Structures are given as C-alpha cells and as structure tokens.
C-alpha atoms as a PDB file:
ATOM      1  CA  MET A   1     187.354 -19.972 116.550  1.00  0.00           C
ATOM      2  CA  ARG A   2     186.966 -17.213 119.135  1.00  0.00           C
ATOM      3  CA  VAL A   3     188.471 -14.655 116.728  1.00  0.00           C
ATOM      4  CA  ALA A   4     186.030 -15.684 113.991  1.00  0.00           C
ATOM      5  CA  PHE A   5     183.110 -15.390 116.419  1.00  0.00           C
ATOM      6  CA  THR A   6     184.227 -11.916 117.483  1.00  0.00           C
ATOM      7  CA  GLU A   7     184.880 -10.763 113.915  1.00  0.00           C
ATOM      8  CA  ALA A   8     181.417 -11.981 112.859  1.00  0.00           C
ATOM      9  CA  GLY A   9     179.788  -9.825 115.515  1.00  0.00           C
ATOM     10  CA  GLY A  10     179.829 -12.129 118.528  1.00  0.00           C
ATOM     11  CA  VAL A  11     176.792 -12.052 120.777  1.00  0.00           C
ATOM     12  CA  ASP A  12     175.232  -9.172 118.833  1.00  0.00           C
ATOM     13  CA  TYR A  13     175.299 -11.295 115.686  1.00  0.00           C
ATOM     14  CA  LEU A  14     173.681 -14.240 117.469  1.00  0.00           C
ATOM     15  CA  LEU A  15     170.939 -11.955 118.782  1.00  0.00           C
ATOM     16  CA  TRP A  16     170.391 -10.616 115.272  1.00  0.00           C
ATOM     17  CA  VAL A  17     170.059 -14.171 113.929  1.00  0.00           C
ATOM     18  CA  ALA A  18     167.630 -15.036 116.742  1.00  0.00           C
ATOM     19  CA  ARG A  19     165.442 -12.046 115.855  1.00  0.00           C
ATOM     20  CA  LYS A  20     165.601 -12.239 112.068  1.00  0.00           C
ATOM     21  CA  GLU A  21     165.959 -15.980 111.463  1.00  0.00           C
ATOM     22  CA  PRO A  22     164.569 -17.888 114.454  1.00  0.00           C
ATOM     23  CA  LYS A  23     164.525 -21.179 112.563  1.00  0.00           C
ATOM     24  CA  VAL A  24     168.240 -20.837 111.745  1.00  0.00           C
ATOM     25  CA  PHE A  25     168.950 -19.842 115.345  1.00  0.00           C
ATOM     26  CA  CYS A  26     167.135 -22.895 116.681  1.00  0.00           C
ATOM     27  CA  ALA A  27     168.978 -25.153 114.219  1.00  0.00           C
ATOM     28  CA  LEU A  28     172.244 -23.699 115.507  1.00  0.00           C
ATOM     29  CA  LEU A  29     171.159 -24.332 119.094  1.00  0.00           C
ATOM     30  CA  ALA A  30     170.303 -27.912 118.209  1.00  0.00           C
ATOM     31  CA  LYS A  31     173.808 -28.428 116.832  1.00  0.00           C
ATOM     32  CA  LEU A  32     175.392 -26.828 119.860  1.00  0.00           C
ATOM     33  CA  LEU A  33     173.319 -28.910 122.263  1.00  0.00           C
ATOM     34  CA  GLY A  34     174.270 -32.045 120.385  1.00  0.00           C
ATOM     35  CA  ALA A  35     172.445 -35.087 119.195  1.00  0.00           C
ATOM     36  CA  PRO A  36     171.285 -37.813 121.552  1.00  0.00           C
ATOM     37  CA  ALA A  37     173.643 -40.654 122.273  1.00  0.00           C
ATOM     38  CA  PRO A  38     173.117 -43.703 120.047  1.00  0.00           C
ATOM     39  CA  GLY A  39     170.012 -45.459 121.304  1.00  0.00           C
ATOM     40  CA  GLY A  40     169.184 -42.475 123.530  1.00  0.00           C
ATOM     41  CA  GLU A  41     166.151 -40.272 123.489  1.00  0.00           C
ATOM     42  CA  PRO A  42     166.284 -36.800 121.903  1.00  0.00           C
ATOM     43  CA  GLU A  43     166.169 -33.868 124.297  1.00  0.00           C
ATOM     44  CA  PRO A  44     162.532 -32.895 125.053  1.00  0.00           C
ATOM     45  CA  LEU A  45     163.376 -29.244 124.378  1.00  0.00           C
ATOM     46  CA  LEU A  46     164.635 -30.059 120.893  1.00  0.00           C
ATOM     47  CA  LEU A  47     161.540 -32.127 120.161  1.00  0.00           C
ATOM     48  CA  ALA A  48     159.330 -29.238 121.274  1.00  0.00           C
ATOM     49  CA  ILE A  49     161.255 -26.685 119.194  1.00  0.00           C
ATOM     50  CA  ALA A  50     161.077 -28.888 116.099  1.00  0.00           C
ATOM     51  CA  GLN A  51     157.275 -28.930 116.317  1.00  0.00           C
ATOM     52  CA  LEU A  52     156.857 -25.129 116.377  1.00  0.00           C
ATOM     53  CA  SER A  53     155.936 -23.146 113.278  1.00  0.00           C
ATOM     54  CA  ASP A  54     158.164 -20.329 112.058  1.00  0.00           C
ATOM     55  CA  ASP A  55     155.695 -17.798 113.515  1.00  0.00           C
ATOM     56  CA  GLN A  56     155.710 -19.550 116.887  1.00  0.00           C
ATOM     57  CA  LEU A  57     159.524 -19.689 116.899  1.00  0.00           C
ATOM     58  CA  HIS A  58     159.679 -16.003 116.042  1.00  0.00           C
ATOM     59  CA  ALA A  59     157.201 -15.044 118.763  1.00  0.00           C
ATOM     60  CA  ARG A  60     158.982 -17.088 121.432  1.00  0.00           C
ATOM     61  CA  THR A  61     162.413 -15.824 120.422  1.00  0.00           C
ATOM     62  CA  THR A  62     161.204 -12.227 120.414  1.00  0.00           C
ATOM     63  CA  ARG A  63     159.673 -12.640 123.862  1.00  0.00           C
ATOM     64  CA  ALA A  64     162.772 -14.335 125.276  1.00  0.00           C
ATOM     65  CA  LEU A  65     165.011 -11.565 123.956  1.00  0.00           C
ATOM     66  CA  ALA A  66     162.684  -8.899 125.337  1.00  0.00           C
ATOM     67  CA  GLU A  67     162.656 -10.590 128.745  1.00  0.00           C
ATOM     68  CA  ARG A  68     166.452 -10.798 128.644  1.00  0.00           C
ATOM     69  CA  ASN A  69     166.640  -7.078 127.910  1.00  0.00           C
ATOM     70  CA  GLY A  70     164.141  -6.194 130.661  1.00  0.00           C
ATOM     71  CA  ALA A  71     161.264  -5.208 128.379  1.00  0.00           C
ATOM     72  CA  PHE A  72     158.780  -7.483 130.181  1.00  0.00           C
END
C-alpha cells in the first residue's frame, strides 16, 4: 500500500486532489475517518462537510492549504 501511495505521488498527489477536487478529497477523508459505530452518531465534522457546497468546500480547502503553507 505504501509503495502504491508513493508511486501515485504521495502527499503531493493528495494536495493536488484537495485543490482540484475538494469534494473527492472530502469523500476520501470521510472514508479514512470511518463511519460511525452501529447505532452511533456520525462525526459532527463529517455532517458539517456534507452540508457544504462545492464552492464552499473549494474555498475552505484552498484556505487550509494556504495556511498550511504559510500564506496567511
């Protein structure tokens, strides 16, 4: 799995997906974070993300990446 991740571009690829396809990136995050336990409540963060429009997801992802890279 690690080799496939590296060959696909690793962190740089994930950042590219976050910038270009924020909805796909958020879907991937949701899978990585996991579903709630049976009978449990969904994570509040996932509920909030699911309610954002594509434009809102893009804006928030862009800002988060800029903050990570010291642009803000």
